[in-house]
PDB file of all heavy atoms in Angstrom:
ATOM      1  N   THR A   1     -13.942   3.195   6.753  1.00  0.00           N
ATOM      2  CA  THR A   1     -13.824   3.970   5.517  1.00  0.00           C
ATOM      3  C   THR A   1     -12.622   3.476   4.714  1.00  0.00           C
ATOM      4  O   THR A   1     -11.574   3.193   5.282  1.00  0.00           O
ATOM      5  CB  THR A   1     -13.662   5.471   5.831  1.00  0.00           C
ATOM      6  OG1 THR A   1     -14.798   5.908   6.574  1.00  0.00           O
ATOM      7  CG2 THR A   1     -13.557   6.285   4.552  1.00  0.00           C
ATOM      8  N   MET A   2     -12.801   3.369   3.405  1.00  0.00           N
ATOM      9  CA  MET A   2     -11.738   2.851   2.550  1.00  0.00           C
ATOM     10  C   MET A   2     -10.986   3.996   1.894  1.00  0.00           C
ATOM     11  O   MET A   2     -11.578   4.985   1.463  1.00  0.00           O
ATOM     12  CB  MET A   2     -12.349   1.930   1.490  1.00  0.00           C
ATOM     13  CG  MET A   2     -11.328   1.234   0.595  1.00  0.00           C
ATOM     14  SD  MET A   2     -10.827   2.223  -0.842  1.00  0.00           S
ATOM     15  CE  MET A   2     -12.366   2.332  -1.753  1.00  0.00           C
ATOM     16  N   ALA A   3      -9.655   3.858   1.825  1.00  0.00           N
ATOM     17  CA  ALA A   3      -8.808   4.809   1.113  1.00  0.00           C
ATOM     18  C   ALA A   3      -8.089   4.079  -0.010  1.00  0.00           C
ATOM     19  O   ALA A   3      -7.518   3.011   0.206  1.00  0.00           O
ATOM     20  CB  ALA A   3      -7.789   5.448   2.062  1.00  0.00           C
ATOM     21  N   LYS A   4      -8.137   4.651  -1.211  1.00  0.00           N
ATOM     22  CA  LYS A   4      -7.438   4.079  -2.366  1.00  0.00           C
ATOM     23  C   LYS A   4      -6.253   4.969  -2.707  1.00  0.00           C
ATOM     24  O   LYS A   4      -6.404   6.174  -2.901  1.00  0.00           O
ATOM     25  CB  LYS A   4      -8.387   3.975  -3.572  1.00  0.00           C
ATOM     26  CG  LYS A   4      -7.722   3.448  -4.831  1.00  0.00           C
ATOM     27  CD  LYS A   4      -8.716   3.416  -5.995  1.00  0.00           C
ATOM     28  CE  LYS A   4      -8.062   2.930  -7.282  1.00  0.00           C
ATOM     29  NZ  LYS A   4      -9.019   2.904  -8.416  1.00  0.00           N
ATOM     30  N   LYS A   5      -5.061   4.375  -2.748  1.00  0.00           N
ATOM     31  CA  LYS A   5      -3.850   5.110  -3.048  1.00  0.00           C
ATOM     32  C   LYS A   5      -3.190   4.519  -4.299  1.00  0.00           C
ATOM     33  O   LYS A   5      -2.964   3.303  -4.365  1.00  0.00           O
ATOM     34  CB  LYS A   5      -2.864   5.043  -1.882  1.00  0.00           C
ATOM     35  CG  LYS A   5      -3.379   5.638  -0.573  1.00  0.00           C
ATOM     36  CD  LYS A   5      -3.471   7.156  -0.659  1.00  0.00           C
ATOM     37  CE  LYS A   5      -3.866   7.756   0.674  1.00  0.00           C
ATOM     38  NZ  LYS A   5      -3.955   9.237   0.611  1.00  0.00           N
ATOM     39  N   VAL A   6      -2.918   5.371  -5.268  1.00  0.00           N
ATOM     40  CA  VAL A   6      -2.191   4.949  -6.472  1.00  0.00           C
ATOM     41  C   VAL A   6      -0.749   5.441  -6.321  1.00  0.00           C
ATOM     42  O   VAL A   6      -0.480   6.639  -6.351  1.00  0.00           O
ATOM     43  CB  VAL A   6      -2.829   5.523  -7.743  1.00  0.00           C
ATOM     44  CG1 VAL A   6      -2.040   5.090  -8.972  1.00  0.00           C
ATOM     45  CG2 VAL A   6      -4.287   5.067  -7.866  1.00  0.00           C
ATOM     46  N   LEU A   7       0.171   4.499  -6.107  1.00  0.00           N
ATOM     47  CA  LEU A   7       1.564   4.834  -5.845  1.00  0.00           C
ATOM     48  C   LEU A   7       2.358   4.914  -7.141  1.00  0.00           C
ATOM     49  O   LEU A   7       2.237   4.049  -8.022  1.00  0.00           O
ATOM     50  CB  LEU A   7       2.195   3.794  -4.919  1.00  0.00           C
ATOM     51  CG  LEU A   7       1.506   3.565  -3.564  1.00  0.00           C
ATOM     52  CD1 LEU A   7       2.259   2.491  -2.770  1.00  0.00           C
ATOM     53  CD2 LEU A   7       1.419   4.859  -2.780  1.00  0.00           C
ATOM     54  N   GLN A   8       3.172   5.938  -7.231  1.00  0.00           N
ATOM     55  CA  GLN A   8       4.064   6.090  -8.375  1.00  0.00           C
ATOM     56  C   GLN A   8       5.326   5.248  -8.143  1.00  0.00           C
ATOM     57  O   GLN A   8       5.609   4.827  -7.018  1.00  0.00           O
ATOM     58  CB  GLN A   8       4.429   7.559  -8.557  1.00  0.00           C
ATOM     59  CG  GLN A   8       3.238   8.474  -8.805  1.00  0.00           C
ATOM     60  CD  GLN A   8       2.424   8.046 -10.008  1.00  0.00           C
ATOM     61  OE1 GLN A   8       2.966   7.771 -11.081  1.00  0.00           O
ATOM     62  NE2 GLN A   8       1.096   7.990  -9.840  1.00  0.00           N
ATOM     63  N   PRO A   9       6.101   4.978  -9.188  1.00  0.00           N
ATOM     64  CA  PRO A   9       7.328   4.187  -9.003  1.00  0.00           C
ATOM     65  C   PRO A   9       8.238   4.787  -7.930  1.00  0.00           C
ATOM     66  O   PRO A   9       8.569   5.975  -7.979  1.00  0.00           O
ATOM     67  CB  PRO A   9       7.987   4.245 -10.391  1.00  0.00           C
ATOM     68  CG  PRO A   9       6.844   4.427 -11.333  1.00  0.00           C
ATOM     69  CD  PRO A   9       5.870   5.305 -10.610  1.00  0.00           C
ATOM     70  N   GLY A  10       8.590   3.963  -6.943  1.00  0.00           N
ATOM     71  CA  GLY A  10       9.459   4.409  -5.867  1.00  0.00           C
ATOM     72  C   GLY A  10       8.754   5.103  -4.722  1.00  0.00           C
ATOM     73  O   GLY A  10       9.343   5.311  -3.659  1.00  0.00           O
ATOM     74  N   GLU A  11       7.485   5.476  -4.901  1.00  0.00           N
ATOM     75  CA  GLU A  11       6.740   6.147  -3.834  1.00  0.00           C
ATOM     76  C   GLU A  11       6.411   5.145  -2.723  1.00  0.00           C
ATOM     77  O   GLU A  11       5.999   4.018  -2.987  1.00  0.00           O
ATOM     78  CB  GLU A  11       5.453   6.750  -4.381  1.00  0.00           C
ATOM     79  CG  GLU A  11       4.648   7.539  -3.362  1.00  0.00           C
ATOM     80  CD  GLU A  11       3.378   8.133  -3.943  1.00  0.00           C
ATOM     81  OE1 GLU A  11       3.132   7.936  -5.165  1.00  0.00           O
ATOM     82  OE2 GLU A  11       2.633   8.792  -3.206  1.00  0.00           O
ATOM     83  N   VAL A  12       6.588   5.569  -1.457  1.00  0.00           N
ATOM     84  CA  VAL A  12       6.416   4.681  -0.308  1.00  0.00           C
ATOM     85  C   VAL A  12       5.271   5.171   0.572  1.00  0.00           C
ATOM     86  O   VAL A  12       5.164   6.376   0.862  1.00  0.00           O
ATOM     87  CB  VAL A  12       7.708   4.585   0.533  1.00  0.00           C
ATOM     88  CG1 VAL A  12       7.473   3.753   1.793  1.00  0.00           C
ATOM     89  CG2 VAL A  12       8.832   3.981  -0.301  1.00  0.00           C
ATOM     90  N   LEU A  13       4.425   4.254   0.981  1.00  0.00           N
ATOM     91  CA  LEU A  13       3.338   4.528   1.914  1.00  0.00           C
ATOM     92  C   LEU A  13       3.536   3.657   3.143  1.00  0.00           C
ATOM     93  O   LEU A  13       3.695   2.439   3.027  1.00  0.00           O
ATOM     94  CB  LEU A  13       1.986   4.234   1.254  1.00  0.00           C
ATOM     95  CG  LEU A  13       0.734   4.551   2.074  1.00  0.00           C
ATOM     96  CD1 LEU A  13       0.594   6.062   2.260  1.00  0.00           C
ATOM     97  CD2 LEU A  13      -0.510   3.992   1.387  1.00  0.00           C
ATOM     98  N   LYS A  14       3.546   4.270   4.336  1.00  0.00           N
ATOM     99  CA  LYS A  14       3.693   3.535   5.591  1.00  0.00           C
ATOM    100  C   LYS A  14       2.329   3.386   6.242  1.00  0.00           C
ATOM    101  O   LYS A  14       1.617   4.370   6.435  1.00  0.00           O
ATOM    102  CB  LYS A  14       4.672   4.248   6.521  1.00  0.00           C
ATOM    103  CG  LYS A  14       6.082   4.344   5.948  1.00  0.00           C
ATOM    104  CD  LYS A  14       7.043   5.018   6.913  1.00  0.00           C
ATOM    105  CE  LYS A  14       8.446   5.061   6.315  1.00  0.00           C
ATOM    106  NZ  LYS A  14       9.436   5.691   7.248  1.00  0.00           N
ATOM    107  N   VAL A  15       1.974   2.138   6.588  1.00  0.00           N
ATOM    108  CA  VAL A  15       0.610   1.818   7.008  1.00  0.00           C
ATOM    109  C   VAL A  15       0.649   0.904   8.232  1.00  0.00           C
ATOM    110  O   VAL A  15       1.546   0.061   8.360  1.00  0.00           O
ATOM    111  CB  VAL A  15      -0.156   1.110   5.866  1.00  0.00           C
ATOM    112  CG1 VAL A  15      -1.611   0.878   6.242  1.00  0.00           C
ATOM    113  CG2 VAL A  15      -0.063   1.894   4.578  1.00  0.00           C
ATOM    114  N   ASP A  16      -0.322   1.060   9.124  1.00  0.00           N
ATOM    115  CA  ASP A  16      -0.512   0.078  10.189  1.00  0.00           C
ATOM    116  C   ASP A  16      -0.772  -1.280   9.539  1.00  0.00           C
ATOM    117  O   ASP A  16      -1.550  -1.383   8.589  1.00  0.00           O
ATOM    118  CB  ASP A  16      -1.700   0.484  11.064  1.00  0.00           C
ATOM    119  CG  ASP A  16      -1.950  -0.489  12.197  1.00  0.00           C
ATOM    120  OD1 ASP A  16      -2.671  -1.501  11.958  1.00  0.00           O
ATOM    121  OD2 ASP A  16      -1.444  -0.265  13.296  1.00  0.00           O
ATOM    122  N   THR A  17      -0.111  -2.321  10.067  1.00  0.00           N
ATOM    123  CA  THR A  17      -0.185  -3.629   9.408  1.00  0.00           C
ATOM    124  C   THR A  17      -1.612  -4.155   9.283  1.00  0.00           C
ATOM    125  O   THR A  17      -1.942  -4.849   8.329  1.00  0.00           O
ATOM    126  CB  THR A  17       0.673  -4.653  10.159  1.00  0.00           C
ATOM    127  OG1 THR A  17       0.272  -4.690  11.540  1.00  0.00           O
ATOM    128  CG2 THR A  17       2.149  -4.286  10.087  1.00  0.00           C
ATOM    129  N   GLY A  18      -2.470  -3.843  10.247  1.00  0.00           N
ATOM    130  CA  GLY A  18      -3.838  -4.344  10.195  1.00  0.00           C
ATOM    131  C   GLY A  18      -4.740  -3.567   9.260  1.00  0.00           C
ATOM    132  O   GLY A  18      -5.851  -4.008   8.954  1.00  0.00           O
ATOM    133  N   CYS A  19      -4.297  -2.403   8.802  1.00  0.00           N
ATOM    134  CA  CYS A  19      -5.146  -1.546   7.967  1.00  0.00           C
ATOM    135  C   CYS A  19      -5.034  -1.838   6.481  1.00  0.00           C
ATOM    136  O   CYS A  19      -5.735  -1.221   5.676  1.00  0.00           O
ATOM    137  CB  CYS A  19      -4.817  -0.076   8.228  1.00  0.00           C
ATOM    138  SG  CYS A  19      -5.369   0.510   9.850  1.00  0.00           S
ATOM    139  N   ILE A  20      -4.146  -2.749   6.095  1.00  0.00           N
ATOM    140  CA  ILE A  20      -4.023  -3.100   4.681  1.00  0.00           C
ATOM    141  C   ILE A  20      -5.193  -3.997   4.271  1.00  0.00           C
ATOM    142  O   ILE A  20      -5.457  -5.008   4.909  1.00  0.00           O
ATOM    143  CB  ILE A  20      -2.704  -3.831   4.407  1.00  0.00           C
ATOM    144  CG1 ILE A  20      -1.513  -2.928   4.743  1.00  0.00           C
ATOM    145  CG2 ILE A  20      -2.615  -4.273   2.954  1.00  0.00           C
ATOM    146  CD1 ILE A  20      -0.181  -3.631   4.632  1.00  0.00           C
ATOM    147  N   VAL A  21      -5.896  -3.612   3.210  1.00  0.00           N
ATOM    148  CA  VAL A  21      -6.943  -4.459   2.642  1.00  0.00           C
ATOM    149  C   VAL A  21      -6.362  -5.294   1.509  1.00  0.00           C
ATOM    150  O   VAL A  21      -6.532  -6.510   1.465  1.00  0.00           O
ATOM    151  CB  VAL A  21      -8.125  -3.619   2.122  1.00  0.00           C
ATOM    152  CG1 VAL A  21      -9.201  -4.528   1.523  1.00  0.00           C
ATOM    153  CG2 VAL A  21      -8.701  -2.780   3.235  1.00  0.00           C
ATOM    154  N   GLY A  22      -5.662  -4.645   0.592  1.00  0.00           N
ATOM    155  CA  GLY A  22      -5.079  -5.368  -0.533  1.00  0.00           C
ATOM    156  C   GLY A  22      -4.280  -4.439  -1.418  1.00  0.00           C
ATOM    157  O   GLY A  22      -4.303  -3.211  -1.251  1.00  0.00           O
ATOM    158  N   PHE A  23      -3.584  -5.035  -2.399  1.00  0.00           N
ATOM    159  CA  PHE A  23      -2.755  -4.251  -3.308  1.00  0.00           C
ATOM    160  C   PHE A  23      -2.501  -5.050  -4.573  1.00  0.00           C
ATOM    161  O   PHE A  23      -2.667  -6.274  -4.608  1.00  0.00           O
ATOM    162  CB  PHE A  23      -1.429  -3.850  -2.644  1.00  0.00           C
ATOM    163  CG  PHE A  23      -0.733  -4.965  -1.913  1.00  0.00           C
ATOM    164  CD1 PHE A  23       0.126  -5.833  -2.570  1.00  0.00           C
ATOM    165  CD2 PHE A  23      -0.938  -5.155  -0.555  1.00  0.00           C
ATOM    166  CE1 PHE A  23       0.770  -6.848  -1.907  1.00  0.00           C
ATOM    167  CE2 PHE A  23      -0.311  -6.181   0.124  1.00  0.00           C
ATOM    168  CZ  PHE A  23       0.556  -7.034  -0.551  1.00  0.00           C
ATOM    169  N   THR A  24      -2.090  -4.351  -5.618  1.00  0.00           N
ATOM    170  CA  THR A  24      -1.799  -5.007  -6.884  1.00  0.00           C
ATOM    171  C   THR A  24      -0.443  -5.706  -6.804  1.00  0.00           C
ATOM    172  O   THR A  24       0.376  -5.416  -5.939  1.00  0.00           O
ATOM    173  CB  THR A  24      -1.807  -3.988  -8.032  1.00  0.00           C
ATOM    174  OG1 THR A  24      -0.892  -2.922  -7.726  1.00  0.00           O
ATOM    175  CG2 THR A  24      -3.195  -3.397  -8.220  1.00  0.00           C
ATOM    176  N   LYS A  25      -0.210  -6.614  -7.740  1.00  0.00           N
ATOM    177  CA  LYS A  25       0.962  -7.479  -7.656  1.00  0.00           C
ATOM    178  C   LYS A  25       2.280  -6.736  -7.842  1.00  0.00           C
ATOM    179  O   LYS A  25       3.331  -7.247  -7.448  1.00  0.00           O
ATOM    180  CB  LYS A  25       0.856  -8.609  -8.681  1.00  0.00           C
ATOM    181  CG  LYS A  25       0.876  -8.160 -10.137  1.00  0.00           C
ATOM    182  CD  LYS A  25       0.765  -9.360 -11.065  1.00  0.00           C
ATOM    183  CE  LYS A  25       0.842  -8.963 -12.538  1.00  0.00           C
ATOM    184  NZ  LYS A  25       0.752 -10.140 -13.425  1.00  0.00           N
ATOM    185  N   GLU A  26       2.256  -5.530  -8.425  1.00  0.00           N
ATOM    186  CA  GLU A  26       3.490  -4.779  -8.634  1.00  0.00           C
ATOM    187  C   GLU A  26       4.002  -4.134  -7.353  1.00  0.00           C
ATOM    188  O   GLU A  26       5.181  -3.764  -7.251  1.00  0.00           O
ATOM    189  CB  GLU A  26       3.288  -3.677  -9.683  1.00  0.00           C
ATOM    190  CG  GLU A  26       2.889  -4.190 -11.057  1.00  0.00           C
ATOM    191  CD  GLU A  26       1.387  -4.366 -11.196  1.00  0.00           C
ATOM    192  OE1 GLU A  26       0.668  -4.053 -10.218  1.00  0.00           O
ATOM    193  OE2 GLU A  26       0.934  -4.812 -12.267  1.00  0.00           O
ATOM    194  N   VAL A  27       3.135  -3.957  -6.363  1.00  0.00           N
ATOM    195  CA  VAL A  27       3.514  -3.277  -5.124  1.00  0.00           C
ATOM    196  C   VAL A  27       4.463  -4.151  -4.309  1.00  0.00           C
ATOM    197  O   VAL A  27       4.224  -5.343  -4.123  1.00  0.00           O
ATOM    198  CB  VAL A  27       2.257  -2.930  -4.296  1.00  0.00           C
ATOM    199  CG1 VAL A  27       2.644  -2.377  -2.920  1.00  0.00           C
ATOM    200  CG2 VAL A  27       1.390  -1.929  -5.040  1.00  0.00           C
ATOM    201  N   HIS A  28       5.540  -3.546  -3.809  1.00  0.00           N
ATOM    202  CA  HIS A  28       6.488  -4.253  -2.949  1.00  0.00           C
ATOM    203  C   HIS A  28       6.077  -4.030  -1.498  1.00  0.00           C
ATOM    204  O   HIS A  28       6.033  -2.899  -1.009  1.00  0.00           O
ATOM    205  CB  HIS A  28       7.910  -3.733  -3.170  1.00  0.00           C
ATOM    206  CG  HIS A  28       8.932  -4.409  -2.306  1.00  0.00           C
ATOM    207  ND1 HIS A  28       9.331  -3.890  -1.091  1.00  0.00           N
ATOM    208  CD2 HIS A  28       9.614  -5.569  -2.477  1.00  0.00           C
ATOM    209  CE1 HIS A  28      10.240  -4.694  -0.548  1.00  0.00           C
ATOM    210  NE2 HIS A  28      10.418  -5.718  -1.371  1.00  0.00           N
ATOM    211  N   TYR A  29       5.766  -5.131  -0.800  1.00  0.00           N
ATOM    212  CA  TYR A  29       5.260  -5.081   0.570  1.00  0.00           C
ATOM    213  C   TYR A  29       6.313  -5.593   1.530  1.00  0.00           C
ATOM    214  O   TYR A  29       6.854  -6.680   1.358  1.00  0.00           O
ATOM    215  CB  TYR A  29       3.974  -5.914   0.652  1.00  0.00           C
ATOM    216  CG  TYR A  29       3.461  -6.174   2.050  1.00  0.00           C
ATOM    217  CD1 TYR A  29       3.454  -5.181   3.009  1.00  0.00           C
ATOM    218  CD2 TYR A  29       2.948  -7.428   2.397  1.00  0.00           C
ATOM    219  CE1 TYR A  29       2.956  -5.424   4.290  1.00  0.00           C
ATOM    220  CE2 TYR A  29       2.458  -7.690   3.657  1.00  0.00           C
ATOM    221  CZ  TYR A  29       2.465  -6.679   4.604  1.00  0.00           C
ATOM    222  OH  TYR A  29       1.990  -6.918   5.862  1.00  0.00           O
ATOM    223  N   ASP A  30       6.621  -4.775   2.564  1.00  0.00           N
ATOM    224  CA  ASP A  30       7.593  -5.183   3.577  1.00  0.00           C
ATOM    225  C   ASP A  30       7.167  -4.573   4.913  1.00  0.00           C
ATOM    226  O   ASP A  30       6.189  -3.815   4.981  1.00  0.00           O
ATOM    227  CB  ASP A  30       9.001  -4.719   3.190  1.00  0.00           C
ATOM    228  CG  ASP A  30      10.086  -5.609   3.796  1.00  0.00           C
ATOM    229  OD1 ASP A  30       9.779  -6.389   4.724  1.00  0.00           O
ATOM    230  OD2 ASP A  30      11.233  -5.522   3.354  1.00  0.00           O
ATOM    231  N   ILE A  31       7.890  -4.901   5.974  1.00  0.00           N
ATOM    232  CA  ILE A  31       7.610  -4.320   7.285  1.00  0.00           C
ATOM    233  C   ILE A  31       8.839  -3.560   7.767  1.00  0.00           C
ATOM    234  O   ILE A  31       9.960  -3.845   7.350  1.00  0.00           O
ATOM    235  CB  ILE A  31       7.164  -5.383   8.306  1.00  0.00           C
ATOM    236  CG1 ILE A  31       8.252  -6.449   8.497  1.00  0.00           C
ATOM    237  CG2 ILE A  31       5.860  -6.017   7.887  1.00  0.00           C
ATOM    238  CD1 ILE A  31       9.062  -6.264   9.747  1.00  0.00           C
TER     239      ILE A  31
END
């Protein structure tokens, strides 16, 4: 099942590394 999250500026989402499908270029991705 797919979940779509629209993050506001500064909002952080913590995700299992394997569960990421993709994101827009503005999103800052780290571990």
